[in-house]
Amino acid sequence: MKFIISGKNIEVTPGLKDTVEQKLGKLERYFTPETEIIVTLSVEKDRQKIEVTIPVKGNIIRSEQTSSDMYVSIDLVEEVIERQLRKYKNKLVARSQGHPTASSSGNNFKKEFFESDDDSSETDEVKIVRTKRFGIKPMYPEDACIQMDLLGHNFFVFSNAETDEVNVVYKRKDGSFGLIEPEFD
């Protein structure tokens, strides 16, 4: 695995670099040597944040964790990435009817990734417990944000009156709003 480690408002010391490579290096048993792991360490006030991004064919495995101690954040992000990998593995196995190969995943994963038995993968299975249906009326993104606030939700699905496409507005951690627009390949 190739680590790309950078820092924002923090010097990436040899100790931090070693800890990141040691913790995330545990994932090496799953990935090919060419796989890049992009790590960004940052400090905002008293918050120590780590962002990890691993591009894999057609998807991104990503986690962002924040705590008051960078080493705790590193531990947390490693746990989340491992959990995401188990879910991703289950998805790939299900898609290929139980006969995955390293080449079917775009050569990002070693054969061992699919062969490893992980008892906890059963508990990480995605299960949809409720389906909601509702009418979507055209509105502007700003109106959708107001509607979202009135409902007390942190996201809202709507038909954009300007583009006639289904969009999503969401509330960001800093209290501002985001807009998700579809992009078809």
C-alpha atoms as a PDB file:
ATOM      1  CA  MET A   1       0.000   0.000   0.000  1.00  0.00           C
ATOM      2  CA  LYS A   2       1.160   3.500  -0.767  1.00  0.00           C
ATOM      3  CA  PHE A   3       0.512   6.028   1.974  1.00  0.00           C
ATOM      4  CA  ILE A   4       0.039   9.676   1.058  1.00  0.00           C
ATOM      5  CA  ILE A   5       0.039  11.520   4.396  1.00  0.00           C
ATOM      6  CA  SER A   6      -0.409  15.285   4.694  1.00  0.00           C
ATOM      7  CA  GLY A   7      -1.198  17.728   7.462  1.00  0.00           C
ATOM      8  CA  LYS A   8      -3.324  20.883   7.786  1.00  0.00           C
ATOM      9  CA  ASN A   9      -2.408  23.138  10.714  1.00  0.00           C
ATOM     10  CA  ILE A  10      -0.292  20.277  12.067  1.00  0.00           C
ATOM     11  CA  GLU A  11       3.209  19.015  11.458  1.00  0.00           C
ATOM     12  CA  VAL A  12       3.197  15.342  10.487  1.00  0.00           C
ATOM     13  CA  THR A  13       5.850  14.103  12.902  1.00  0.00           C
ATOM     14  CA  PRO A  14       7.640  10.787  12.385  1.00  0.00           C
ATOM     15  CA  GLY A  15       5.671   9.434  15.384  1.00  0.00           C
ATOM     16  CA  LEU A  16       2.312  10.346  13.822  1.00  0.00           C
ATOM     17  CA  LYS A  17       3.393   8.977  10.440  1.00  0.00           C
ATOM     18  CA  ASP A  18       4.535   5.699  12.025  1.00  0.00           C
ATOM     19  CA  THR A  19       1.282   5.353  13.986  1.00  0.00           C
ATOM     20  CA  VAL A  20      -0.846   5.962  10.879  1.00  0.00           C
ATOM     21  CA  GLU A  21       1.177   3.467   8.833  1.00  0.00           C
ATOM     22  CA  GLN A  22       1.099   0.902  11.658  1.00  0.00           C
ATOM     23  CA  LYS A  23      -2.667   1.159  12.300  1.00  0.00           C
ATOM     24  CA  LEU A  24      -3.772   1.371   8.681  1.00  0.00           C
ATOM     25  CA  GLY A  25      -1.008  -1.038   7.687  1.00  0.00           C
ATOM     26  CA  LYS A  26      -3.191  -3.765   9.217  1.00  0.00           C
ATOM     27  CA  LEU A  27      -5.328  -3.402   6.096  1.00  0.00           C
ATOM     28  CA  GLU A  28      -2.357  -4.403   3.938  1.00  0.00           C
ATOM     29  CA  ARG A  29      -3.492  -8.025   4.020  1.00  0.00           C
ATOM     30  CA  TYR A  30      -6.494  -6.997   1.895  1.00  0.00           C
ATOM     31  CA  PHE A  31      -5.015  -4.557  -0.623  1.00  0.00           C
ATOM     32  CA  THR A  32      -2.510  -4.894  -3.416  1.00  0.00           C
ATOM     33  CA  PRO A  33       0.786  -2.994  -3.032  1.00  0.00           C
ATOM     34  CA  GLU A  34      -0.310  -0.406  -5.638  1.00  0.00           C
ATOM     35  CA  THR A  35      -3.360   0.682  -3.621  1.00  0.00           C
ATOM     36  CA  GLU A  36      -3.111   4.296  -2.437  1.00  0.00           C
ATOM     37  CA  ILE A  37      -4.297   5.361   1.000  1.00  0.00           C
ATOM     38  CA  ILE A  38      -4.716   9.124   1.233  1.00  0.00           C
ATOM     39  CA  VAL A  39      -4.507  10.405   4.806  1.00  0.00           C
ATOM     40  CA  THR A  40      -5.019  14.005   5.916  1.00  0.00           C
ATOM     41  CA  LEU A  41      -4.392  14.994   9.522  1.00  0.00           C
ATOM     42  CA  SER A  42      -5.720  18.358  10.694  1.00  0.00           C
ATOM     43  CA  VAL A  43      -6.272  20.437  13.807  1.00  0.00           C
ATOM     44  CA  GLU A  44      -9.205  22.831  14.245  1.00  0.00           C
ATOM     45  CA  LYS A  45      -9.296  24.478  17.688  1.00  0.00           C
ATOM     46  CA  ASP A  46      -9.156  21.518  20.111  1.00  0.00           C
ATOM     47  CA  ARG A  47     -10.329  18.999  17.524  1.00  0.00           C
ATOM     48  CA  GLN A  48      -7.821  16.515  16.107  1.00  0.00           C
ATOM     49  CA  LYS A  49      -9.168  15.145  12.817  1.00  0.00           C
ATOM     50  CA  ILE A  50      -8.027  12.398  10.467  1.00  0.00           C
ATOM     51  CA  GLU A  51      -9.515  11.796   7.025  1.00  0.00           C
ATOM     52  CA  VAL A  52      -8.725   8.556   5.180  1.00  0.00           C
ATOM     53  CA  THR A  53      -9.673   7.923   1.559  1.00  0.00           C
ATOM     54  CA  ILE A  54      -9.022   4.678  -0.308  1.00  0.00           C
ATOM     55  CA  PRO A  55     -10.084   4.743  -3.964  1.00  0.00           C
ATOM     56  CA  VAL A  56     -11.181   1.315  -5.200  1.00  0.00           C
ATOM     57  CA  LYS A  57     -12.694   0.535  -8.584  1.00  0.00           C
ATOM     58  CA  GLY A  58     -15.901   2.532  -8.930  1.00  0.00           C
ATOM     59  CA  ASN A  59     -16.080   3.364  -5.206  1.00  0.00           C
ATOM     60  CA  ILE A  60     -14.332   5.170  -2.406  1.00  0.00           C
ATOM     61  CA  ILE A  61     -13.784   3.802   1.057  1.00  0.00           C
ATOM     62  CA  ARG A  62     -13.626   6.865   3.294  1.00  0.00           C
ATOM     63  CA  SER A  63     -13.778   7.815   6.939  1.00  0.00           C
ATOM     64  CA  GLU A  64     -13.325  11.018   8.884  1.00  0.00           C
ATOM     65  CA  GLN A  65     -12.900  10.881  12.659  1.00  0.00           C
ATOM     66  CA  THR A  66     -12.422  13.660  15.186  1.00  0.00           C
ATOM     67  CA  SER A  67     -11.475  13.628  18.865  1.00  0.00           C
ATOM     68  CA  SER A  68      -9.425  15.652  21.332  1.00  0.00           C
ATOM     69  CA  ASP A  69      -6.386  13.388  20.714  1.00  0.00           C
ATOM     70  CA  MET A  70      -4.952  12.545  17.279  1.00  0.00           C
ATOM     71  CA  TYR A  71      -3.954   9.032  18.343  1.00  0.00           C
ATOM     72  CA  VAL A  72      -7.541   8.319  19.443  1.00  0.00           C
ATOM     73  CA  SER A  73      -8.789   9.654  16.095  1.00  0.00           C
ATOM     74  CA  ILE A  74      -6.375   7.315  14.291  1.00  0.00           C
ATOM     75  CA  ASP A  75      -7.695   4.327  16.282  1.00  0.00           C
ATOM     76  CA  LEU A  76     -11.308   5.290  15.513  1.00  0.00           C
ATOM     77  CA  VAL A  77     -10.727   5.729  11.786  1.00  0.00           C
ATOM     78  CA  GLU A  78      -9.030   2.332  11.540  1.00  0.00           C
ATOM     79  CA  GLU A  79     -12.058   0.626  13.134  1.00  0.00           C
ATOM     80  CA  VAL A  80     -14.495   2.397  10.795  1.00  0.00           C
ATOM     81  CA  ILE A  81     -12.452   1.550   7.668  1.00  0.00           C
ATOM     82  CA  GLU A  82     -12.331  -2.137   8.694  1.00  0.00           C
ATOM     83  CA  ARG A  83     -16.117  -2.143   9.187  1.00  0.00           C
ATOM     84  CA  GLN A  84     -16.609  -0.518   5.775  1.00  0.00           C
ATOM     85  CA  LEU A  85     -14.341  -3.115   4.191  1.00  0.00           C
ATOM     86  CA  ARG A  86     -16.440  -5.949   5.635  1.00  0.00           C
ATOM     87  CA  LYS A  87     -19.593  -4.365   4.199  1.00  0.00           C
ATOM     88  CA  TYR A  88     -17.912  -3.791   0.847  1.00  0.00           C
ATOM     89  CA  LYS A  89     -16.673  -7.387   0.792  1.00  0.00           C
ATOM     90  CA  ASN A  90     -20.211  -8.675   1.447  1.00  0.00           C
ATOM     91  CA  LYS A  91     -21.489  -6.501  -1.390  1.00  0.00           C
ATOM     92  CA  LEU A  92     -18.852  -7.804  -3.821  1.00  0.00           C
ATOM     93  CA  VAL A  93     -19.432 -11.413  -2.800  1.00  0.00           C
ATOM     94  CA  ALA A  94     -23.204 -11.053  -3.201  1.00  0.00           C
ATOM     95  CA  ARG A  95     -22.774  -9.382  -6.593  1.00  0.00           C
ATOM     96  CA  SER A  96     -20.639 -12.214  -7.929  1.00  0.00           C
ATOM     97  CA  GLN A  97     -22.831 -15.002  -6.427  1.00  0.00           C
ATOM     98  CA  GLY A  98     -20.147 -16.097  -4.001  1.00  0.00           C
ATOM     99  CA  HIS A  99     -17.354 -16.542  -6.552  1.00  0.00           C
ATOM    100  CA  PRO A 100     -15.301 -13.353  -6.330  1.00  0.00           C
ATOM    101  CA  THR A 101     -11.810 -13.013  -7.651  1.00  0.00           C
ATOM    102  CA  ALA A 102      -9.276 -10.280  -7.128  1.00  0.00           C
ATOM    103  CA  SER A 103      -9.669  -9.274 -10.776  1.00  0.00           C
ATOM    104  CA  SER A 104     -13.442  -8.813 -10.440  1.00  0.00           C
ATOM    105  CA  SER A 105     -12.845  -6.020  -7.947  1.00  0.00           C
ATOM    106  CA  GLY A 106     -10.583  -4.030 -10.236  1.00  0.00           C
ATOM    107  CA  ASN A 107      -7.342  -5.478  -8.864  1.00  0.00           C
ATOM    108  CA  ASN A 108      -7.455  -3.396  -5.661  1.00  0.00           C
ATOM    109  CA  PHE A 109      -7.922  -6.377  -3.369  1.00  0.00           C
ATOM    110  CA  LYS A 110      -5.843  -9.449  -2.716  1.00  0.00           C
ATOM    111  CA  LYS A 111      -7.414 -12.886  -2.967  1.00  0.00           C
ATOM    112  CA  GLU A 112      -7.127 -13.168   0.846  1.00  0.00           C
ATOM    113  CA  PHE A 113      -9.646 -10.323   1.225  1.00  0.00           C
ATOM    114  CA  PHE A 114     -12.386 -12.607  -0.077  1.00  0.00           C
ATOM    115  CA  GLU A 115     -11.143 -15.764   1.599  1.00  0.00           C
ATOM    116  CA  SER A 116     -10.844 -14.391   5.136  1.00  0.00           C
ATOM    117  CA  ASP A 117     -13.636 -15.585   7.388  1.00  0.00           C
ATOM    118  CA  ASP A 118     -15.010 -12.773   9.458  1.00  0.00           C
ATOM    119  CA  ASP A 119     -17.677 -13.819  11.957  1.00  0.00           C
ATOM    120  CA  SER A 120     -18.672 -10.210  12.590  1.00  0.00           C
ATOM    121  CA  SER A 121     -19.635  -9.650   8.936  1.00  0.00           C
ATOM    122  CA  GLU A 122     -23.094 -11.029   9.682  1.00  0.00           C
ATOM    123  CA  THR A 123     -23.791  -8.173  12.092  1.00  0.00           C
ATOM    124  CA  ASP A 124     -22.663  -5.546   9.578  1.00  0.00           C
ATOM    125  CA  GLU A 125     -25.158  -6.683   6.955  1.00  0.00           C
ATOM    126  CA  VAL A 126     -27.190  -3.851   5.499  1.00  0.00           C
ATOM    127  CA  LYS A 127     -30.850  -4.321   6.297  1.00  0.00           C
ATOM    128  CA  ILE A 128     -33.592  -1.960   5.163  1.00  0.00           C
ATOM    129  CA  VAL A 129     -36.229  -1.926   7.884  1.00  0.00           C
ATOM    130  CA  ARG A 130     -38.591   0.699   6.480  1.00  0.00           C
ATOM    131  CA  THR A 131     -39.605   2.075   3.096  1.00  0.00           C
ATOM    132  CA  LYS A 132     -41.231   5.479   2.716  1.00  0.00           C
ATOM    133  CA  ARG A 133     -43.067   6.791  -0.319  1.00  0.00           C
ATOM    134  CA  PHE A 134     -43.965  10.427  -0.803  1.00  0.00           C
ATOM    135  CA  GLY A 135     -44.892  12.805  -3.557  1.00  0.00           C
ATOM    136  CA  ILE A 136     -42.172  15.120  -4.790  1.00  0.00           C
ATOM    137  CA  LYS A 137     -43.153  18.572  -5.929  1.00  0.00           C
ATOM    138  CA  PRO A 138     -40.815  20.912  -7.808  1.00  0.00           C
ATOM    139  CA  MET A 139     -39.140  23.557  -5.627  1.00  0.00           C
ATOM    140  CA  TYR A 140     -35.988  25.616  -5.459  1.00  0.00           C
ATOM    141  CA  PRO A 141     -33.078  24.417  -3.290  1.00  0.00           C
ATOM    142  CA  GLU A 142     -33.545  27.331  -0.871  1.00  0.00           C
ATOM    143  CA  ASP A 143     -37.229  26.376  -0.390  1.00  0.00           C
ATOM    144  CA  ALA A 144     -36.189  22.759   0.172  1.00  0.00           C
ATOM    145  CA  CYS A 145     -33.832  23.909   2.956  1.00  0.00           C
ATOM    146  CA  ILE A 146     -36.675  25.785   4.627  1.00  0.00           C
ATOM    147  CA  GLN A 147     -38.952  22.732   4.317  1.00  0.00           C
ATOM    148  CA  MET A 148     -36.216  20.524   5.773  1.00  0.00           C
ATOM    149  CA  ASP A 149     -35.851  22.837   8.779  1.00  0.00           C
ATOM    150  CA  LEU A 150     -39.625  22.943   9.297  1.00  0.00           C
ATOM    151  CA  LEU A 151     -39.712  19.130   9.370  1.00  0.00           C
ATOM    152  CA  GLY A 152     -36.721  18.954  11.713  1.00  0.00           C
ATOM    153  CA  HIS A 153     -34.800  16.650   9.362  1.00  0.00           C
ATOM    154  CA  ASN A 154     -31.119  16.791   8.449  1.00  0.00           C
ATOM    155  CA  PHE A 155     -31.762  16.070   4.742  1.00  0.00           C
ATOM    156  CA  PHE A 156     -34.613  16.574   2.267  1.00  0.00           C
ATOM    157  CA  VAL A 157     -35.267  14.977  -1.141  1.00  0.00           C
ATOM    158  CA  PHE A 158     -36.977  17.185  -3.725  1.00  0.00           C
ATOM    159  CA  SER A 159     -37.398  17.829  -7.440  1.00  0.00           C
ATOM    160  CA  ASN A 160     -35.317  20.843  -8.418  1.00  0.00           C
ATOM    161  CA  ALA A 161     -37.582  23.373 -10.179  1.00  0.00           C
ATOM    162  CA  GLU A 162     -34.617  24.694 -12.173  1.00  0.00           C
ATOM    163  CA  THR A 163     -33.298  21.355 -13.496  1.00  0.00           C
ATOM    164  CA  ASP A 164     -36.283  18.960 -13.149  1.00  0.00           C
ATOM    165  CA  GLU A 165     -33.922  16.458 -11.470  1.00  0.00           C
ATOM    166  CA  VAL A 166     -34.184  14.830  -8.063  1.00  0.00           C
ATOM    167  CA  ASN A 167     -31.812  16.581  -5.634  1.00  0.00           C
ATOM    168  CA  VAL A 168     -31.040  16.360  -1.935  1.00  0.00           C
ATOM    169  CA  VAL A 169     -30.320  19.212   0.445  1.00  0.00           C
ATOM    170  CA  TYR A 170     -28.658  18.408   3.753  1.00  0.00           C
ATOM    171  CA  LYS A 171     -27.496  20.146   6.894  1.00  0.00           C
ATOM    172  CA  ARG A 172     -23.718  20.166   7.331  1.00  0.00           C
ATOM    173  CA  LYS A 173     -21.909  19.797  10.651  1.00  0.00           C
ATOM    174  CA  ASP A 174     -21.116  23.522  10.712  1.00  0.00           C
ATOM    175  CA  GLY A 175     -24.825  24.423  10.358  1.00  0.00           C
ATOM    176  CA  SER A 176     -24.623  25.418   6.699  1.00  0.00           C
ATOM    177  CA  PHE A 177     -26.458  23.594   3.914  1.00  0.00           C
ATOM    178  CA  GLY A 178     -25.287  21.302   1.120  1.00  0.00           C
ATOM    179  CA  LEU A 179     -26.896  20.336  -2.183  1.00  0.00           C
ATOM    180  CA  ILE A 180     -26.466  16.966  -3.903  1.00  0.00           C
ATOM    181  CA  GLU A 181     -27.149  16.927  -7.625  1.00  0.00           C
ATOM    182  CA  PRO A 182     -27.066  13.749  -9.716  1.00  0.00           C
ATOM    183  CA  GLU A 183     -24.312  13.241 -12.259  1.00  0.00           C
ATOM    184  CA  PHE A 184     -24.801  10.380 -14.677  1.00  0.00           C
ATOM    185  CA  ASP A 185     -21.776   8.853 -16.392  1.00  0.00           C
END
